[in-house]
Structures are given as structure tokens and as C-alpha cells.
Amino acid sequence: ILSVHPAHAFSGLSDLPGDSTIVASICSNETYAFNGELLSTSGEYSAAFVASDGTDSIVTLQLTVLPIASASLTAEICQGESYPFNGLALTQSGTYSATLNAENGCDSIVTLTLTVLPNPLTNLSAGICDGTFFLFQGDTLTESGVYSTVLPAANGCDSIVRLKLDVLLFFDVQLEASICTGATYLFD
């Protein structure tokens, strides 16, 4: 009995001594040449040959077709993150494939569907009078400016809340007015 690597095939079988059995395996995307045929199905195949010394011999091939493994994965990451896949750091949504070697020596195909989730952004604006304050995420704000905080969003990613705060100044305006005796003046 001869064991044969998938890369080998026998077509010149007349050099084998007497009756022989060949045991071989191939991957499902390969073929095996035997007695002038390309085989791609597991089974037992026989061929009769006349050796160079004139004797007849029967060669039997026991062929095993090994499967190609495949797997599908799905993953989600937040915007700004990366996902490691087959030596790469993926940062964009899409479908990615990698061909790896399986234990049986055949290819293994892994397909990844990656979704990049957005980081929600909320813009707020507020105005306060000079001398007062504004509470924002536990901070007491008293000056004009842009303030940000990061909160967890429903999709599991960071949600950014941005506040534009304006402090409005008091103006002291003096007005002069005259009225006649017995008249009234409406102010504010």
C-alpha cells in the first residue's frame, strides 16, 4: 500500500510492482490524476496494467476527498476603534475574507461581516446672566465656552454631548426723562 501526498498523482502506473494499492487524499477543490482521468470524488478506483516484464498488475486507488472548512463571523465596533482580522486592523464596515490552512491540510475560508457603529453627537447651547452659573454633568460653569462630556450611548459606543455656553453681561443704562406734575411714567 502506497500513501500519496495530494500534490502527487500517478499516470505512469506500469512501473509499480505486481498488484498495488494507493491511498491518497485531496482537498475538495482539487483533482487527482489516475489512469488518464481527473478524479474529484472519494472512492476506490482500479486499473489493469501490463508491466515492462509482461506481467499483468492491478492498481487500486483509495481516494479520499477532504472538505474545505468555512466559517462566517459578524462583529461590531465603535467608530475610532479597530478590529483585528488576519493580521489587519480593520476600521471600516464591510465584508472581509481570509484563506487559512486547516488541520486536514486543506484551505479554510473565514468570512467576517464588520459593522462600525457611530458615536452619537449632541450639540446644546445655553445662555446665563453674568454672576450666575450653569450645571453641566456635575460641573458648575460660570464662563462662556464650549464644554464636552462623554456618555454611554444605546448602541454601546461613546456619545459626545457638546455645550456652547454664553454668559450674558448686565448693562447699566441711565435714562433721563421728564414728566409734568400729575403725569405718570411707565418704566420697563
N, C-alpha and C. Protein backbone atom coordinates (compact mmCIF):
# COMPACT_ATOMS: atom_id res chain seq x y z
N ILE A 1 0.86 -1.17 0.00
CA ILE A 1 0.00 0.00 0.00
C ILE A 1 0.90 1.22 0.00
N LEU A 2 0.65 2.13 -0.93
CA LEU A 2 1.39 3.37 -1.04
C LEU A 2 0.51 4.51 -0.57
N SER A 3 1.04 5.39 0.29
CA SER A 3 0.33 6.61 0.67
C SER A 3 0.91 7.73 -0.14
N VAL A 4 0.03 8.58 -0.70
CA VAL A 4 0.48 9.59 -1.63
C VAL A 4 0.02 10.96 -1.16
N HIS A 5 0.88 11.94 -1.25
CA HIS A 5 0.56 13.34 -0.94
C HIS A 5 -0.36 13.86 -2.04
N PRO A 6 -1.29 14.75 -1.74
CA PRO A 6 -2.23 15.24 -2.74
C PRO A 6 -1.55 15.87 -3.96
N ALA A 7 -0.35 16.38 -3.80
CA ALA A 7 0.30 17.02 -4.94
C ALA A 7 0.80 15.99 -5.95
N HIS A 8 0.83 14.72 -5.54
CA HIS A 8 1.31 13.67 -6.45
C HIS A 8 0.13 12.96 -7.10
N ALA A 9 0.37 12.47 -8.27
CA ALA A 9 -0.63 11.68 -8.97
C ALA A 9 0.11 10.65 -9.80
N PHE A 10 -0.58 9.56 -10.06
CA PHE A 10 0.06 8.50 -10.84
C PHE A 10 -0.65 8.35 -12.16
N SER A 11 0.13 8.47 -13.21
CA SER A 11 -0.42 8.18 -14.53
C SER A 11 0.43 7.11 -15.19
N GLY A 12 1.70 7.05 -14.85
CA GLY A 12 2.57 6.00 -15.38
C GLY A 12 2.62 4.86 -14.39
N LEU A 13 1.52 4.19 -14.18
CA LEU A 13 1.41 3.14 -13.17
C LEU A 13 2.05 1.83 -13.58
N SER A 14 2.50 1.72 -14.78
CA SER A 14 3.06 0.44 -15.24
C SER A 14 4.38 0.12 -14.55
N ASP A 15 4.97 1.07 -13.85
CA ASP A 15 6.24 0.81 -13.16
C ASP A 15 6.05 0.26 -11.76
N LEU A 16 4.80 0.17 -11.29
CA LEU A 16 4.56 -0.37 -9.96
C LEU A 16 4.66 -1.89 -10.00
N PRO A 17 5.24 -2.50 -8.98
CA PRO A 17 5.40 -3.97 -8.98
C PRO A 17 4.09 -4.68 -8.61
N GLY A 18 3.69 -5.68 -9.39
CA GLY A 18 2.53 -6.52 -9.09
C GLY A 18 1.28 -5.73 -8.78
N ASP A 19 0.37 -6.37 -8.03
CA ASP A 19 -0.85 -5.69 -7.62
C ASP A 19 -0.49 -4.70 -6.51
N SER A 20 -1.02 -3.46 -6.60
CA SER A 20 -0.69 -2.42 -5.64
C SER A 20 -1.94 -1.64 -5.26
N THR A 21 -1.89 -1.06 -4.06
CA THR A 21 -2.95 -0.18 -3.60
C THR A 21 -2.33 1.17 -3.26
N ILE A 22 -2.95 2.21 -3.77
CA ILE A 22 -2.51 3.58 -3.49
C ILE A 22 -3.57 4.23 -2.61
N VAL A 23 -3.14 4.82 -1.50
CA VAL A 23 -4.05 5.54 -0.62
C VAL A 23 -3.70 7.02 -0.76
N ALA A 24 -4.68 7.84 -1.17
CA ALA A 24 -4.41 9.26 -1.40
C ALA A 24 -5.59 10.10 -0.91
N SER A 25 -5.28 11.34 -0.61
CA SER A 25 -6.34 12.28 -0.24
C SER A 25 -6.06 13.60 -0.93
N ILE A 26 -7.15 14.29 -1.28
CA ILE A 26 -7.08 15.60 -1.91
C ILE A 26 -8.11 16.50 -1.25
N CYS A 27 -7.97 17.80 -1.44
CA CYS A 27 -8.97 18.75 -0.96
C CYS A 27 -10.11 18.84 -1.97
N SER A 28 -11.28 19.27 -1.52
CA SER A 28 -12.45 19.26 -2.39
C SER A 28 -12.34 20.20 -3.60
N ASN A 29 -11.38 21.11 -3.59
CA ASN A 29 -11.19 21.98 -4.77
C ASN A 29 -10.07 21.48 -5.67
N GLU A 30 -9.59 20.25 -5.47
CA GLU A 30 -8.50 19.68 -6.26
C GLU A 30 -8.99 18.46 -7.03
N THR A 31 -8.15 17.99 -7.96
CA THR A 31 -8.41 16.75 -8.69
C THR A 31 -7.19 15.84 -8.56
N TYR A 32 -7.39 14.55 -8.81
CA TYR A 32 -6.32 13.56 -8.73
C TYR A 32 -6.27 12.81 -10.06
N ALA A 33 -5.10 12.81 -10.69
CA ALA A 33 -4.94 12.14 -11.98
C ALA A 33 -4.66 10.65 -11.74
N PHE A 34 -5.52 9.80 -12.31
CA PHE A 34 -5.34 8.35 -12.18
C PHE A 34 -5.78 7.68 -13.47
N ASN A 35 -4.88 6.97 -14.08
CA ASN A 35 -5.16 6.20 -15.29
C ASN A 35 -5.79 7.07 -16.38
N GLY A 36 -5.27 8.31 -16.53
CA GLY A 36 -5.74 9.20 -17.58
C GLY A 36 -7.00 9.98 -17.23
N GLU A 37 -7.51 9.81 -16.03
CA GLU A 37 -8.71 10.53 -15.61
C GLU A 37 -8.37 11.50 -14.48
N LEU A 38 -9.15 12.60 -14.40
CA LEU A 38 -9.03 13.52 -13.28
C LEU A 38 -10.19 13.24 -12.33
N LEU A 39 -9.86 12.74 -11.14
CA LEU A 39 -10.87 12.32 -10.18
C LEU A 39 -11.07 13.41 -9.12
N SER A 40 -12.32 13.60 -8.68
CA SER A 40 -12.62 14.60 -7.66
C SER A 40 -13.65 14.08 -6.65
N THR A 41 -13.90 12.76 -6.63
CA THR A 41 -14.88 12.14 -5.74
C THR A 41 -14.21 11.02 -4.96
N SER A 42 -14.50 10.97 -3.66
CA SER A 42 -13.96 9.89 -2.83
C SER A 42 -14.42 8.55 -3.38
N GLY A 43 -13.57 7.54 -3.27
CA GLY A 43 -13.95 6.20 -3.71
C GLY A 43 -12.74 5.34 -3.98
N GLU A 44 -13.04 4.15 -4.45
CA GLU A 44 -11.98 3.21 -4.79
C GLU A 44 -12.00 3.01 -6.31
N TYR A 45 -10.84 3.17 -6.94
CA TYR A 45 -10.71 3.09 -8.39
C TYR A 45 -9.65 2.05 -8.71
N SER A 46 -9.86 1.28 -9.78
CA SER A 46 -8.91 0.24 -10.18
C SER A 46 -8.54 0.40 -11.64
N ALA A 47 -7.31 -0.07 -11.96
CA ALA A 47 -6.84 -0.06 -13.34
C ALA A 47 -5.92 -1.26 -13.53
N ALA A 48 -6.00 -1.88 -14.70
CA ALA A 48 -5.14 -3.02 -15.04
C ALA A 48 -4.03 -2.52 -15.94
N PHE A 49 -2.80 -3.01 -15.67
CA PHE A 49 -1.63 -2.59 -16.44
C PHE A 49 -0.79 -3.79 -16.77
N VAL A 50 -0.02 -3.66 -17.83
CA VAL A 50 0.97 -4.67 -18.20
C VAL A 50 2.32 -4.06 -17.86
N ALA A 51 3.04 -4.73 -16.97
CA ALA A 51 4.34 -4.23 -16.54
C ALA A 51 5.35 -4.42 -17.66
N SER A 52 6.50 -3.80 -17.52
CA SER A 52 7.54 -3.87 -18.56
C SER A 52 8.06 -5.29 -18.73
N ASP A 53 7.87 -6.16 -17.73
CA ASP A 53 8.30 -7.56 -17.88
C ASP A 53 7.20 -8.43 -18.46
N GLY A 54 6.05 -7.80 -18.82
CA GLY A 54 4.96 -8.54 -19.46
C GLY A 54 3.93 -9.09 -18.51
N THR A 55 4.10 -8.92 -17.20
CA THR A 55 3.11 -9.44 -16.25
C THR A 55 1.99 -8.42 -16.06
N ASP A 56 0.80 -8.94 -15.79
CA ASP A 56 -0.34 -8.08 -15.51
C ASP A 56 -0.32 -7.66 -14.04
N SER A 57 -0.80 -6.43 -13.80
CA SER A 57 -0.93 -5.98 -12.41
C SER A 57 -2.18 -5.12 -12.31
N ILE A 58 -2.79 -5.16 -11.14
CA ILE A 58 -3.97 -4.35 -10.84
C ILE A 58 -3.53 -3.30 -9.82
N VAL A 59 -3.81 -2.05 -10.14
CA VAL A 59 -3.52 -0.95 -9.22
C VAL A 59 -4.86 -0.42 -8.74
N THR A 60 -5.01 -0.35 -7.42
CA THR A 60 -6.25 0.15 -6.80
C THR A 60 -5.93 1.47 -6.11
N LEU A 61 -6.75 2.47 -6.35
CA LEU A 61 -6.61 3.78 -5.71
C LEU A 61 -7.75 3.95 -4.72
N GLN A 62 -7.40 4.23 -3.47
CA GLN A 62 -8.39 4.57 -2.45
C GLN A 62 -8.26 6.08 -2.23
N LEU A 63 -9.20 6.82 -2.82
CA LEU A 63 -9.14 8.27 -2.81
C LEU A 63 -10.12 8.85 -1.80
N THR A 64 -9.62 9.77 -0.96
CA THR A 64 -10.47 10.47 0.00
C THR A 64 -10.44 11.95 -0.34
N VAL A 65 -11.63 12.55 -0.48
CA VAL A 65 -11.73 13.98 -0.75
C VAL A 65 -12.05 14.67 0.57
N LEU A 66 -11.15 15.55 1.00
CA LEU A 66 -11.28 16.25 2.27
C LEU A 66 -12.05 17.56 2.08
N PRO A 67 -12.89 17.93 3.04
CA PRO A 67 -13.69 19.15 2.88
C PRO A 67 -12.86 20.41 3.12
N ILE A 68 -13.33 21.49 2.51
CA ILE A 68 -12.79 22.82 2.78
C ILE A 68 -13.70 23.43 3.83
N ALA A 69 -13.11 23.81 4.96
CA ALA A 69 -13.90 24.38 6.04
C ALA A 69 -14.21 25.84 5.76
N SER A 70 -15.37 26.29 6.22
CA SER A 70 -15.71 27.71 6.08
C SER A 70 -16.46 28.15 7.33
N ALA A 71 -16.26 29.41 7.67
CA ALA A 71 -16.94 29.97 8.83
C ALA A 71 -17.30 31.41 8.53
N SER A 72 -18.43 31.84 9.08
CA SER A 72 -18.87 33.23 8.93
C SER A 72 -18.94 33.86 10.30
N LEU A 73 -18.36 35.07 10.41
CA LEU A 73 -18.36 35.81 11.66
C LEU A 73 -19.01 37.16 11.45
N THR A 74 -19.63 37.69 12.48
CA THR A 74 -20.11 39.07 12.46
C THR A 74 -19.54 39.77 13.69
N ALA A 75 -19.20 41.05 13.53
CA ALA A 75 -18.66 41.81 14.64
C ALA A 75 -19.06 43.27 14.50
N GLU A 76 -19.13 43.94 15.64
CA GLU A 76 -19.43 45.38 15.67
C GLU A 76 -18.36 46.07 16.50
N ILE A 77 -17.92 47.22 16.02
CA ILE A 77 -17.00 48.06 16.79
C ILE A 77 -17.52 49.48 16.74
N CYS A 78 -17.03 50.31 17.64
CA CYS A 78 -17.41 51.72 17.65
C CYS A 78 -16.47 52.51 16.74
N GLN A 79 -16.96 53.59 16.21
CA GLN A 79 -16.15 54.47 15.37
C GLN A 79 -14.91 54.89 16.16
N GLY A 80 -13.74 54.81 15.51
CA GLY A 80 -12.49 55.15 16.17
C GLY A 80 -11.77 53.93 16.72
N GLU A 81 -12.43 52.77 16.74
CA GLU A 81 -11.80 51.53 17.19
C GLU A 81 -11.35 50.73 15.98
N SER A 82 -10.57 49.67 16.21
CA SER A 82 -10.17 48.78 15.13
C SER A 82 -10.47 47.34 15.54
N TYR A 83 -10.63 46.47 14.53
CA TYR A 83 -10.92 45.06 14.76
C TYR A 83 -9.81 44.23 14.14
N PRO A 84 -9.11 43.39 14.93
CA PRO A 84 -8.03 42.58 14.36
C PRO A 84 -8.59 41.39 13.57
N PHE A 85 -8.12 41.24 12.33
CA PHE A 85 -8.57 40.13 11.48
C PHE A 85 -7.47 39.76 10.51
N ASN A 86 -6.95 38.56 10.64
CA ASN A 86 -5.95 38.01 9.73
C ASN A 86 -4.74 38.95 9.58
N GLY A 87 -4.28 39.51 10.70
CA GLY A 87 -3.11 40.38 10.69
C GLY A 87 -3.40 41.83 10.33
N LEU A 88 -4.66 42.17 10.11
CA LEU A 88 -5.03 43.54 9.76
C LEU A 88 -5.78 44.18 10.93
N ALA A 89 -5.78 45.51 10.96
CA ALA A 89 -6.57 46.25 11.94
C ALA A 89 -7.67 46.97 11.16
N LEU A 90 -8.85 46.36 11.08
CA LEU A 90 -9.95 46.88 10.27
C LEU A 90 -10.66 48.02 11.00
N THR A 91 -10.99 49.09 10.25
CA THR A 91 -11.65 50.26 10.84
C THR A 91 -12.91 50.68 10.08
N GLN A 92 -13.26 49.96 9.00
CA GLN A 92 -14.42 50.34 8.20
C GLN A 92 -15.38 49.17 8.07
N SER A 93 -16.68 49.50 7.99
CA SER A 93 -17.69 48.46 7.78
C SER A 93 -17.44 47.77 6.45
N GLY A 94 -17.74 46.47 6.40
CA GLY A 94 -17.58 45.73 5.14
C GLY A 94 -17.52 44.24 5.40
N THR A 95 -17.35 43.49 4.31
CA THR A 95 -17.21 42.04 4.37
C THR A 95 -15.79 41.70 3.98
N TYR A 96 -15.11 40.94 4.82
CA TYR A 96 -13.70 40.59 4.62
C TYR A 96 -13.56 39.08 4.65
N SER A 97 -12.63 38.52 3.83
CA SER A 97 -12.38 37.08 3.79
C SER A 97 -10.91 36.80 4.00
N ALA A 98 -10.65 35.64 4.60
CA ALA A 98 -9.28 35.18 4.78
C ALA A 98 -9.24 33.69 4.48
N THR A 99 -8.20 33.26 3.78
CA THR A 99 -7.99 31.85 3.49
C THR A 99 -6.86 31.36 4.39
N LEU A 100 -7.17 30.38 5.22
CA LEU A 100 -6.21 29.84 6.19
C LEU A 100 -6.03 28.35 5.94
N ASN A 101 -4.98 27.77 6.50
CA ASN A 101 -4.77 26.33 6.39
C ASN A 101 -5.46 25.62 7.54
N ALA A 102 -6.28 24.63 7.23
CA ALA A 102 -6.97 23.85 8.25
C ALA A 102 -6.09 22.68 8.67
N GLU A 103 -6.48 21.97 9.73
CA GLU A 103 -5.71 20.83 10.22
C GLU A 103 -5.58 19.73 9.18
N ASN A 104 -6.58 19.56 8.33
CA ASN A 104 -6.53 18.49 7.33
C ASN A 104 -5.67 18.86 6.12
N GLY A 105 -5.04 20.06 6.13
CA GLY A 105 -4.16 20.47 5.04
C GLY A 105 -4.89 21.22 3.93
N CYS A 106 -6.20 21.28 4.01
CA CYS A 106 -6.98 22.00 3.00
C CYS A 106 -7.22 23.43 3.46
N ASP A 107 -7.70 24.25 2.54
CA ASP A 107 -7.99 25.63 2.87
C ASP A 107 -9.17 25.73 3.82
N SER A 108 -9.15 26.77 4.62
CA SER A 108 -10.26 27.11 5.49
C SER A 108 -10.58 28.56 5.19
N ILE A 109 -11.82 28.86 4.84
CA ILE A 109 -12.20 30.21 4.45
C ILE A 109 -13.05 30.83 5.57
N VAL A 110 -12.58 31.96 6.09
CA VAL A 110 -13.29 32.68 7.14
C VAL A 110 -13.79 34.00 6.55
N THR A 111 -15.10 34.26 6.70
CA THR A 111 -15.70 35.49 6.20
C THR A 111 -16.20 36.31 7.38
N LEU A 112 -15.78 37.57 7.44
CA LEU A 112 -16.16 38.47 8.52
C LEU A 112 -17.02 39.60 7.96
N THR A 113 -18.18 39.83 8.59
CA THR A 113 -19.00 40.99 8.29
C THR A 113 -18.85 41.96 9.45
N LEU A 114 -18.19 43.09 9.20
CA LEU A 114 -17.88 44.06 10.24
C LEU A 114 -18.76 45.29 10.09
N THR A 115 -19.35 45.73 11.20
CA THR A 115 -20.16 46.94 11.22
C THR A 115 -19.52 47.94 12.18
N VAL A 116 -19.28 49.15 11.70
CA VAL A 116 -18.74 50.21 12.54
C VAL A 116 -19.91 51.09 12.98
N LEU A 117 -20.14 51.12 14.29
CA LEU A 117 -21.25 51.89 14.85
C LEU A 117 -20.82 53.33 15.09
N PRO A 118 -21.73 54.29 14.86
CA PRO A 118 -21.36 55.70 15.03
C PRO A 118 -21.29 56.10 16.51
N ASN A 119 -20.53 57.13 16.77
CA ASN A 119 -20.50 57.76 18.09
C ASN A 119 -21.46 58.95 18.01
N PRO A 120 -22.65 58.85 18.61
CA PRO A 120 -23.61 59.95 18.50
C PRO A 120 -23.06 61.26 19.08
N LEU A 121 -23.42 62.38 18.45
CA LEU A 121 -23.00 63.70 18.89
C LEU A 121 -24.25 64.55 19.10
N THR A 122 -24.35 65.18 20.27
CA THR A 122 -25.47 66.07 20.58
C THR A 122 -24.89 67.44 20.88
N ASN A 123 -25.36 68.46 20.16
CA ASN A 123 -24.93 69.84 20.39
C ASN A 123 -26.02 70.58 21.15
N LEU A 124 -25.64 71.23 22.25
CA LEU A 124 -26.56 72.02 23.06
C LEU A 124 -26.02 73.44 23.14
N SER A 125 -26.92 74.40 23.39
CA SER A 125 -26.47 75.77 23.64
C SER A 125 -27.32 76.33 24.77
N ALA A 126 -26.69 77.21 25.57
CA ALA A 126 -27.39 77.82 26.70
C ALA A 126 -26.79 79.19 26.96
N GLY A 127 -27.57 80.03 27.59
CA GLY A 127 -27.11 81.35 27.98
C GLY A 127 -27.46 81.59 29.43
N ILE A 128 -26.55 82.21 30.16
CA ILE A 128 -26.80 82.57 31.55
C ILE A 128 -26.41 84.03 31.75
N CYS A 129 -26.94 84.62 32.80
CA CYS A 129 -26.59 86.00 33.13
C CYS A 129 -25.29 86.02 33.91
N ASP A 130 -24.55 87.09 33.75
CA ASP A 130 -23.30 87.25 34.47
C ASP A 130 -23.59 87.20 35.97
N GLY A 131 -22.74 86.45 36.68
CA GLY A 131 -22.92 86.32 38.11
C GLY A 131 -23.73 85.10 38.50
N THR A 132 -24.27 84.34 37.52
CA THR A 132 -25.00 83.11 37.82
C THR A 132 -24.16 81.93 37.31
N PHE A 133 -24.69 80.74 37.40
CA PHE A 133 -23.93 79.56 36.97
C PHE A 133 -24.85 78.60 36.22
N PHE A 134 -24.21 77.63 35.55
CA PHE A 134 -24.93 76.60 34.80
C PHE A 134 -24.34 75.25 35.21
N LEU A 135 -25.19 74.30 35.61
CA LEU A 135 -24.73 72.96 35.97
C LEU A 135 -24.69 72.08 34.71
N PHE A 136 -23.53 71.46 34.47
CA PHE A 136 -23.36 70.59 33.31
C PHE A 136 -22.56 69.37 33.75
N GLN A 137 -23.23 68.23 33.84
CA GLN A 137 -22.62 66.96 34.22
C GLN A 137 -21.85 67.08 35.54
N GLY A 138 -22.44 67.77 36.51
CA GLY A 138 -21.85 67.90 37.83
C GLY A 138 -20.87 69.05 37.97
N ASP A 139 -20.57 69.75 36.88
CA ASP A 139 -19.67 70.90 36.94
C ASP A 139 -20.47 72.19 37.00
N THR A 140 -19.99 73.15 37.78
CA THR A 140 -20.62 74.47 37.87
C THR A 140 -19.87 75.39 36.91
N LEU A 141 -20.53 75.79 35.84
CA LEU A 141 -19.90 76.62 34.82
C LEU A 141 -20.31 78.07 35.00
N THR A 142 -19.31 78.97 34.91
CA THR A 142 -19.59 80.41 35.08
C THR A 142 -19.02 81.25 33.96
N GLU A 143 -18.31 80.60 33.00
CA GLU A 143 -17.68 81.35 31.91
C GLU A 143 -18.18 80.85 30.56
N SER A 144 -18.20 81.77 29.59
CA SER A 144 -18.57 81.38 28.23
C SER A 144 -17.54 80.39 27.69
N GLY A 145 -17.99 79.47 26.84
CA GLY A 145 -17.08 78.50 26.25
C GLY A 145 -17.83 77.31 25.70
N VAL A 146 -17.05 76.34 25.17
CA VAL A 146 -17.61 75.09 24.67
C VAL A 146 -17.12 73.99 25.60
N TYR A 147 -18.06 73.22 26.14
CA TYR A 147 -17.76 72.17 27.09
C TYR A 147 -18.28 70.85 26.53
N SER A 148 -17.53 69.75 26.79
CA SER A 148 -17.93 68.44 26.27
C SER A 148 -17.90 67.40 27.38
N THR A 149 -18.71 66.38 27.20
CA THR A 149 -18.69 65.22 28.08
C THR A 149 -18.99 63.99 27.24
N VAL A 150 -18.55 62.85 27.72
CA VAL A 150 -18.76 61.58 27.02
C VAL A 150 -19.66 60.72 27.89
N LEU A 151 -20.73 60.22 27.27
CA LEU A 151 -21.70 59.38 27.97
C LEU A 151 -21.88 58.08 27.18
N PRO A 152 -22.30 56.99 27.82
CA PRO A 152 -22.58 55.76 27.06
C PRO A 152 -23.87 55.93 26.24
N ALA A 153 -23.80 55.51 24.98
CA ALA A 153 -24.98 55.58 24.10
C ALA A 153 -25.70 54.23 24.10
N ALA A 154 -26.89 54.21 23.55
CA ALA A 154 -27.70 52.98 23.49
C ALA A 154 -27.02 51.89 22.66
N ASN A 155 -26.19 52.27 21.66
CA ASN A 155 -25.52 51.26 20.83
C ASN A 155 -24.24 50.75 21.46
N GLY A 156 -23.91 51.20 22.70
CA GLY A 156 -22.72 50.73 23.39
C GLY A 156 -21.48 51.56 23.12
N CYS A 157 -21.57 52.51 22.20
CA CYS A 157 -20.44 53.37 21.89
C CYS A 157 -20.52 54.65 22.71
N ASP A 158 -19.46 55.44 22.66
CA ASP A 158 -19.47 56.72 23.37
C ASP A 158 -20.39 57.71 22.67
N SER A 159 -21.12 58.47 23.47
CA SER A 159 -21.97 59.55 22.96
C SER A 159 -21.35 60.85 23.46
N ILE A 160 -21.12 61.76 22.57
CA ILE A 160 -20.49 63.03 22.92
C ILE A 160 -21.58 64.10 23.01
N VAL A 161 -21.62 64.79 24.16
CA VAL A 161 -22.55 65.90 24.36
C VAL A 161 -21.69 67.16 24.45
N ARG A 162 -21.96 68.11 23.56
CA ARG A 162 -21.20 69.36 23.50
C ARG A 162 -22.12 70.52 23.84
N LEU A 163 -21.69 71.38 24.79
CA LEU A 163 -22.48 72.52 25.24
C LEU A 163 -21.74 73.80 24.88
N LYS A 164 -22.43 74.72 24.21
CA LYS A 164 -21.90 76.07 23.95
C LYS A 164 -22.61 76.99 24.93
N LEU A 165 -21.84 77.53 25.86
CA LEU A 165 -22.41 78.37 26.92
C LEU A 165 -22.01 79.81 26.69
N ASP A 166 -23.00 80.70 26.71
CA ASP A 166 -22.76 82.15 26.60
C ASP A 166 -23.16 82.80 27.92
N VAL A 167 -22.24 83.60 28.47
CA VAL A 167 -22.54 84.38 29.66
C VAL A 167 -22.92 85.78 29.19
N LEU A 168 -24.13 86.18 29.50
CA LEU A 168 -24.65 87.47 29.07
C LEU A 168 -24.37 88.51 30.14
N LEU A 169 -23.81 89.63 29.74
CA LEU A 169 -23.43 90.67 30.69
C LEU A 169 -24.60 91.59 30.98
N PHE A 170 -24.61 92.16 32.22
CA PHE A 170 -25.59 93.18 32.58
C PHE A 170 -25.11 94.51 32.03
N PHE A 171 -26.03 95.29 31.55
CA PHE A 171 -25.69 96.64 31.11
C PHE A 171 -26.39 97.63 32.03
N ASP A 172 -25.64 98.59 32.54
CA ASP A 172 -26.20 99.64 33.39
C ASP A 172 -26.44 100.84 32.49
N VAL A 173 -27.67 101.09 32.17
CA VAL A 173 -28.03 102.18 31.26
C VAL A 173 -28.79 103.24 32.05
N GLN A 174 -28.33 104.44 31.97
CA GLN A 174 -29.03 105.52 32.66
C GLN A 174 -29.90 106.26 31.65
N LEU A 175 -31.15 106.41 32.00
CA LEU A 175 -32.09 107.11 31.14
C LEU A 175 -32.52 108.39 31.85
N GLU A 176 -32.75 109.40 31.08
CA GLU A 176 -33.29 110.65 31.65
C GLU A 176 -34.67 110.86 31.06
N ALA A 177 -35.57 111.26 31.92
CA ALA A 177 -36.94 111.51 31.46
C ALA A 177 -37.53 112.68 32.25
N SER A 178 -38.45 113.35 31.62
CA SER A 178 -39.15 114.46 32.27
C SER A 178 -40.64 114.22 32.13
N ILE A 179 -41.36 114.54 33.19
CA ILE A 179 -42.82 114.45 33.12
C ILE A 179 -43.41 115.67 33.82
N CYS A 180 -44.60 115.95 33.46
CA CYS A 180 -45.32 117.07 34.09
C CYS A 180 -45.90 116.59 35.40
N THR A 181 -46.16 117.55 36.30
CA THR A 181 -46.75 117.21 37.58
C THR A 181 -48.12 116.61 37.33
N GLY A 182 -48.37 115.47 38.02
CA GLY A 182 -49.65 114.79 37.90
C GLY A 182 -49.65 113.72 36.79
N ALA A 183 -48.58 113.68 35.99
CA ALA A 183 -48.50 112.66 34.93
C ALA A 183 -47.78 111.43 35.48
N THR A 184 -47.84 110.32 34.76
CA THR A 184 -47.14 109.09 35.17
C THR A 184 -46.12 108.72 34.10
N TYR A 185 -45.13 107.96 34.54
CA TYR A 185 -44.09 107.49 33.61
C TYR A 185 -44.03 105.97 33.71
N LEU A 186 -44.15 105.30 32.60
CA LEU A 186 -44.12 103.83 32.56
C LEU A 186 -42.68 103.40 32.35
N PHE A 187 -42.11 102.64 33.28
CA PHE A 187 -40.74 102.18 33.20
C PHE A 187 -40.71 100.66 33.16
N ASP A 188 -40.09 100.12 32.14
CA ASP A 188 -39.92 98.66 31.96
C ASP A 188 -41.26 97.99 31.85
